[in-house]
Structure formats: structure tokens, C-alpha cells
Amino acid sequence: MDVLSPVETAVIGTPGGEGPLAAYRRAVAEKRIVSDPAQAAAAERLQGLWVKLRHYDPPPRNARRTLIGRFIRRRAVEEAPGNQVHGLYLVGEVGRGKSMLMDLFFEAAQVPRRRRIHFHAFMQEAHSRIFAWKQANPGGDDPIPPLADTI
């Protein structure tokens, strides 16, 4: 199985609003990568997430920051759990194509505010922010909601 570099992934691209599955299949058809059943299955799951994100309408950011906004949001989530979009966690050995698939997904995602970051770097950053928040707010509330708003 070949693994694409970020430069090669950018060349594959996702034209015309197609999702990561179509980009993956095109890369296989053009013999840029070798077909791999595990990658194809992951690309299908990423496609499902991509479709859900295209139709996702998150609550306004300022509604999440106030106490009343948190209460209203909590009620809205309880009333409409289908509106939530759950992420996807790709796991596998080094060199299996996880980063290549994520690059295809990232390129296909039409989310205005987005940033491509490797999982380990993301977790280091998240834990660093949680630690800093706890230092600044000893005995404070749960640091996750306000930090999630910044991501």
C-alpha cells in the first residue's frame, strides 16, 4: 500500500464538492494509491461524517457562553439529539494511510473555521489549555465547555 505525502494529497483534491470517498476512489482509479479494504472502509465512514457536517447547523456561539444559553442549549440538545454530529477516531499502525485519509477529509470539508492538526498535537494543545484554565480558575467549573468554544 502506498501512502501519499501531503503534496500528493493536495494534487488528488476534492473538486466540485465531492467528499473524501470519491477522492479516495479517484486516487485508486488513477493508480496514485493501491486499493486497501481498511482504507476504503475508513473513507466510507469519513464520507458519512462529511455528509452530516454539510447539513449541520450549530447553535450560535454566544448562546453557549451565558448560563441561560447553556441551559437553553442543553434543552435543545435533549430535544433534538439527531442534530449532534459525532466525530470519528481513526486508529491503526504507522503507514496505514490515516493521515492521507484525514487530508482528503479536511480538503473536502467545507467548514469556514477549520484547522488540520495531528491528533497527538491536538491532545497536547488541549491538555495544555485545560491546565492553563485550571491554573487561572482554581476550583472553577468544568473547563471543557469554554475551551471547546475556542476550538
C-alpha atoms as a PDB file:
ATOM      1  CA  MET A   1       0.000   0.000   0.000  1.00  0.00           C
ATOM      2  CA  ASP A   2       1.350   3.408  -0.946  1.00  0.00           C
ATOM      3  CA  VAL A   3       0.869   6.360   1.340  1.00  0.00           C
ATOM      4  CA  LEU A   4       0.558   9.809  -0.177  1.00  0.00           C
ATOM      5  CA  SER A   5       2.572  12.751   1.011  1.00  0.00           C
ATOM      6  CA  PRO A   6       0.659  15.966   1.818  1.00  0.00           C
ATOM      7  CA  VAL A   7       1.767  17.386  -1.539  1.00  0.00           C
ATOM      8  CA  GLU A   8       0.378  14.370  -3.411  1.00  0.00           C
ATOM      9  CA  THR A   9      -2.832  14.534  -1.379  1.00  0.00           C
ATOM     10  CA  ALA A  10      -3.311  18.142  -2.436  1.00  0.00           C
ATOM     11  CA  VAL A  11      -2.940  17.054  -6.065  1.00  0.00           C
ATOM     12  CA  ILE A  12      -5.700  14.439  -5.665  1.00  0.00           C
ATOM     13  CA  GLY A  13      -8.042  17.093  -4.297  1.00  0.00           C
ATOM     14  CA  THR A  14     -11.799  17.006  -3.968  1.00  0.00           C
ATOM     15  CA  PRO A  15     -13.243  19.032  -6.848  1.00  0.00           C
ATOM     16  CA  GLY A  16     -16.857  20.055  -7.194  1.00  0.00           C
ATOM     17  CA  GLY A  17     -17.827  19.478  -3.581  1.00  0.00           C
ATOM     18  CA  GLU A  18     -17.262  15.736  -3.654  1.00  0.00           C
ATOM     19  CA  GLY A  19     -16.492  14.004  -0.419  1.00  0.00           C
ATOM     20  CA  PRO A  20     -13.487  12.075   0.786  1.00  0.00           C
ATOM     21  CA  LEU A  21     -14.797   8.731  -0.503  1.00  0.00           C
ATOM     22  CA  ALA A  22     -14.947   9.949  -4.106  1.00  0.00           C
ATOM     23  CA  ALA A  23     -11.461  11.445  -3.765  1.00  0.00           C
ATOM     24  CA  TYR A  24     -10.160   8.153  -2.358  1.00  0.00           C
ATOM     25  CA  ARG A  25     -11.767   6.133  -5.168  1.00  0.00           C
ATOM     26  CA  ARG A  26     -10.364   8.525  -7.766  1.00  0.00           C
ATOM     27  CA  ALA A  27      -6.862   8.149  -6.288  1.00  0.00           C
ATOM     28  CA  VAL A  28      -7.212   4.357  -6.525  1.00  0.00           C
ATOM     29  CA  ALA A  29      -8.588   4.529 -10.094  1.00  0.00           C
ATOM     30  CA  GLU A  30      -5.726   6.803 -11.156  1.00  0.00           C
ATOM     31  CA  LYS A  31      -3.288   4.361  -9.508  1.00  0.00           C
ATOM     32  CA  ARG A  32      -1.926   7.014  -7.174  1.00  0.00           C
ATOM     33  CA  ILE A  33      -2.546   4.598  -4.299  1.00  0.00           C
ATOM     34  CA  VAL A  34      -3.197   0.878  -4.046  1.00  0.00           C
ATOM     35  CA  SER A  35      -6.700  -0.142  -3.027  1.00  0.00           C
ATOM     36  CA  ASP A  36      -6.854  -1.165   0.616  1.00  0.00           C
ATOM     37  CA  PRO A  37     -10.056  -2.566   2.213  1.00  0.00           C
ATOM     38  CA  ALA A  38      -9.364  -0.924   5.589  1.00  0.00           C
ATOM     39  CA  GLN A  39      -8.752   2.455   3.950  1.00  0.00           C
ATOM     40  CA  ALA A  40     -11.892   2.080   1.835  1.00  0.00           C
ATOM     41  CA  ALA A  41     -13.944   1.294   4.956  1.00  0.00           C
ATOM     42  CA  ALA A  42     -12.485   4.313   6.755  1.00  0.00           C
ATOM     43  CA  ALA A  43     -13.172   6.504   3.706  1.00  0.00           C
ATOM     44  CA  GLU A  44     -16.817   5.365   3.786  1.00  0.00           C
ATOM     45  CA  ARG A  45     -17.104   6.338   7.464  1.00  0.00           C
ATOM     46  CA  LEU A  46     -15.440   9.685   6.748  1.00  0.00           C
ATOM     47  CA  GLN A  47     -17.908  10.201   3.905  1.00  0.00           C
ATOM     48  CA  GLY A  48     -20.797   9.701   6.347  1.00  0.00           C
ATOM     49  CA  LEU A  49     -19.298  12.267   8.709  1.00  0.00           C
ATOM     50  CA  TRP A  50     -18.707  14.651   5.794  1.00  0.00           C
ATOM     51  CA  VAL A  51     -22.387  14.394   4.765  1.00  0.00           C
ATOM     52  CA  LYS A  52     -23.568  15.059   8.334  1.00  0.00           C
ATOM     53  CA  LEU A  53     -21.295  18.090   8.639  1.00  0.00           C
ATOM     54  CA  ARG A  54     -22.650  19.537   5.402  1.00  0.00           C
ATOM     55  CA  HIS A  55     -26.130  19.612   6.950  1.00  0.00           C
ATOM     56  CA  TYR A  56     -25.108  20.594  10.478  1.00  0.00           C
ATOM     57  CA  ASP A  57     -26.313  23.909  11.848  1.00  0.00           C
ATOM     58  CA  PRO A  58     -24.574  24.522  15.188  1.00  0.00           C
ATOM     59  CA  PRO A  59     -26.169  26.721  17.845  1.00  0.00           C
ATOM     60  CA  PRO A  60     -24.956  30.322  17.895  1.00  0.00           C
ATOM     61  CA  ARG A  61     -21.619  30.686  19.685  1.00  0.00           C
ATOM     62  CA  ASN A  62     -22.841  33.452  22.010  1.00  0.00           C
ATOM     63  CA  ALA A  63     -25.749  31.261  23.220  1.00  0.00           C
ATOM     64  CA  ARG A  64     -23.223  28.796  24.615  1.00  0.00           C
ATOM     65  CA  ARG A  65     -21.414  31.357  26.746  1.00  0.00           C
ATOM     66  CA  THR A  66     -24.175  32.528  29.069  1.00  0.00           C
ATOM     67  CA  LEU A  67     -25.688  30.499  31.864  1.00  0.00           C
ATOM     68  CA  ILE A  68     -29.132  30.807  30.273  1.00  0.00           C
ATOM     69  CA  GLY A  69     -27.621  29.949  26.895  1.00  0.00           C
ATOM     70  CA  ARG A  70     -26.110  26.793  28.348  1.00  0.00           C
ATOM     71  CA  PHE A  71     -29.481  25.831  29.844  1.00  0.00           C
ATOM     72  CA  ILE A  72     -31.310  26.504  26.566  1.00  0.00           C
ATOM     73  CA  ARG A  73     -28.666  24.645  24.579  1.00  0.00           C
ATOM     74  CA  ARG A  74     -28.847  21.701  26.972  1.00  0.00           C
ATOM     75  CA  ARG A  75     -32.634  21.564  26.479  1.00  0.00           C
ATOM     76  CA  ALA A  76     -32.254  21.880  22.700  1.00  0.00           C
ATOM     77  CA  VAL A  77     -29.779  19.008  22.651  1.00  0.00           C
ATOM     78  CA  GLU A  78     -32.126  16.875  24.739  1.00  0.00           C
ATOM     79  CA  GLU A  79     -34.999  17.681  22.382  1.00  0.00           C
ATOM     80  CA  ALA A  80     -33.041  17.120  19.165  1.00  0.00           C
ATOM     81  CA  PRO A  81     -30.159  14.671  19.703  1.00  0.00           C
ATOM     82  CA  GLY A  82     -30.116  13.891  15.973  1.00  0.00           C
ATOM     83  CA  ASN A  83     -28.663  17.342  15.325  1.00  0.00           C
ATOM     84  CA  GLN A  84     -25.408  16.440  17.064  1.00  0.00           C
ATOM     85  CA  VAL A  85     -22.519  15.344  14.880  1.00  0.00           C
ATOM     86  CA  HIS A  86     -20.198  12.825  16.462  1.00  0.00           C
ATOM     87  CA  GLY A  87     -16.602  12.621  15.324  1.00  0.00           C
ATOM     88  CA  LEU A  88     -14.647   9.668  14.075  1.00  0.00           C
ATOM     89  CA  TYR A  89     -11.490   8.225  15.592  1.00  0.00           C
ATOM     90  CA  LEU A  90      -9.111   6.546  13.141  1.00  0.00           C
ATOM     91  CA  VAL A  91      -6.762   4.012  14.669  1.00  0.00           C
ATOM     92  CA  GLY A  92      -4.135   1.859  13.002  1.00  0.00           C
ATOM     93  CA  GLU A  93      -0.478   1.088  12.619  1.00  0.00           C
ATOM     94  CA  VAL A  94       2.006   3.605  11.280  1.00  0.00           C
ATOM     95  CA  GLY A  95       1.887   3.868   7.491  1.00  0.00           C
ATOM     96  CA  ARG A  96      -1.679   2.620   7.055  1.00  0.00           C
ATOM     97  CA  GLY A  97      -2.960   5.847   5.469  1.00  0.00           C
ATOM     98  CA  LYS A  98      -4.750   7.544   8.371  1.00  0.00           C
ATOM     99  CA  SER A  99      -3.154  10.933   7.706  1.00  0.00           C
ATOM    100  CA  MET A 100      -3.784  10.647   3.964  1.00  0.00           C
ATOM    101  CA  LEU A 101      -7.472   9.931   4.602  1.00  0.00           C
ATOM    102  CA  MET A 102      -7.708  12.823   7.047  1.00  0.00           C
ATOM    103  CA  ASP A 103      -6.087  15.106   4.474  1.00  0.00           C
ATOM    104  CA  LEU A 104      -8.750  14.068   1.947  1.00  0.00           C
ATOM    105  CA  PHE A 105     -11.491  14.682   4.527  1.00  0.00           C
ATOM    106  CA  PHE A 106     -10.053  18.055   5.528  1.00  0.00           C
ATOM    107  CA  GLU A 107      -9.796  19.176   1.931  1.00  0.00           C
ATOM    108  CA  ALA A 108     -13.394  18.103   1.248  1.00  0.00           C
ATOM    109  CA  ALA A 109     -14.800  19.722   4.409  1.00  0.00           C
ATOM    110  CA  GLN A 110     -16.497  22.989   3.638  1.00  0.00           C
ATOM    111  CA  VAL A 111     -16.361  24.343   7.155  1.00  0.00           C
ATOM    112  CA  PRO A 112     -15.396  28.018   7.318  1.00  0.00           C
ATOM    113  CA  ARG A 113     -13.337  27.754  10.519  1.00  0.00           C
ATOM    114  CA  ARG A 114     -11.112  24.717  10.373  1.00  0.00           C
ATOM    115  CA  ARG A 115      -7.573  23.705  11.142  1.00  0.00           C
ATOM    116  CA  ARG A 116      -5.748  20.498  10.221  1.00  0.00           C
ATOM    117  CA  ILE A 117      -3.742  19.208  13.163  1.00  0.00           C
ATOM    118  CA  HIS A 118      -2.365  15.785  14.005  1.00  0.00           C
ATOM    119  CA  PHE A 119      -4.164  14.004  16.852  1.00  0.00           C
ATOM    120  CA  HIS A 120      -1.184  13.987  19.211  1.00  0.00           C
ATOM    121  CA  ALA A 121      -0.531  17.694  18.704  1.00  0.00           C
ATOM    122  CA  PHE A 122      -4.239  18.378  19.260  1.00  0.00           C
ATOM    123  CA  MET A 123      -4.265  16.413  22.526  1.00  0.00           C
ATOM    124  CA  GLN A 124      -1.118  18.174  23.751  1.00  0.00           C
ATOM    125  CA  GLU A 125      -2.675  21.543  22.956  1.00  0.00           C
ATOM    126  CA  ALA A 126      -5.992  20.604  24.588  1.00  0.00           C
ATOM    127  CA  HIS A 127      -4.329  19.389  27.780  1.00  0.00           C
ATOM    128  CA  SER A 128      -2.133  22.481  27.890  1.00  0.00           C
ATOM    129  CA  ARG A 129      -5.223  24.703  27.610  1.00  0.00           C
ATOM    130  CA  ILE A 130      -7.069  22.695  30.274  1.00  0.00           C
ATOM    131  CA  PHE A 131      -4.086  23.023  32.626  1.00  0.00           C
ATOM    132  CA  ALA A 132      -3.819  26.787  31.999  1.00  0.00           C
ATOM    133  CA  TRP A 133      -7.568  27.220  32.547  1.00  0.00           C
ATOM    134  CA  LYS A 134      -7.437  25.302  35.842  1.00  0.00           C
ATOM    135  CA  GLN A 135      -4.470  27.407  36.983  1.00  0.00           C
ATOM    136  CA  ALA A 136      -6.381  30.613  36.170  1.00  0.00           C
ATOM    137  CA  ASN A 137      -9.678  29.343  37.655  1.00  0.00           C
ATOM    138  CA  PRO A 138      -8.870  27.278  40.747  1.00  0.00           C
ATOM    139  CA  GLY A 139     -11.973  25.486  41.947  1.00  0.00           C
ATOM    140  CA  GLY A 140     -13.808  26.692  38.852  1.00  0.00           C
ATOM    141  CA  ASP A 141     -16.368  24.898  36.734  1.00  0.00           C
ATOM    142  CA  ASP A 142     -15.699  22.304  34.068  1.00  0.00           C
ATOM    143  CA  PRO A 143     -13.030  23.715  31.716  1.00  0.00           C
ATOM    144  CA  ILE A 144     -14.188  21.701  28.705  1.00  0.00           C
ATOM    145  CA  PRO A 145     -17.207  23.803  27.503  1.00  0.00           C
ATOM    146  CA  PRO A 146     -15.361  27.136  27.403  1.00  0.00           C
ATOM    147  CA  LEU A 147     -12.308  25.516  25.830  1.00  0.00           C
ATOM    148  CA  ALA A 148     -14.454  23.693  23.277  1.00  0.00           C
ATOM    149  CA  ASP A 149     -15.814  27.078  22.205  1.00  0.00           C
ATOM    150  CA  THR A 150     -12.281  28.139  21.299  1.00  0.00           C
ATOM    151  CA  ILE A 151     -11.590  25.133  19.103  1.00  0.00           C
END
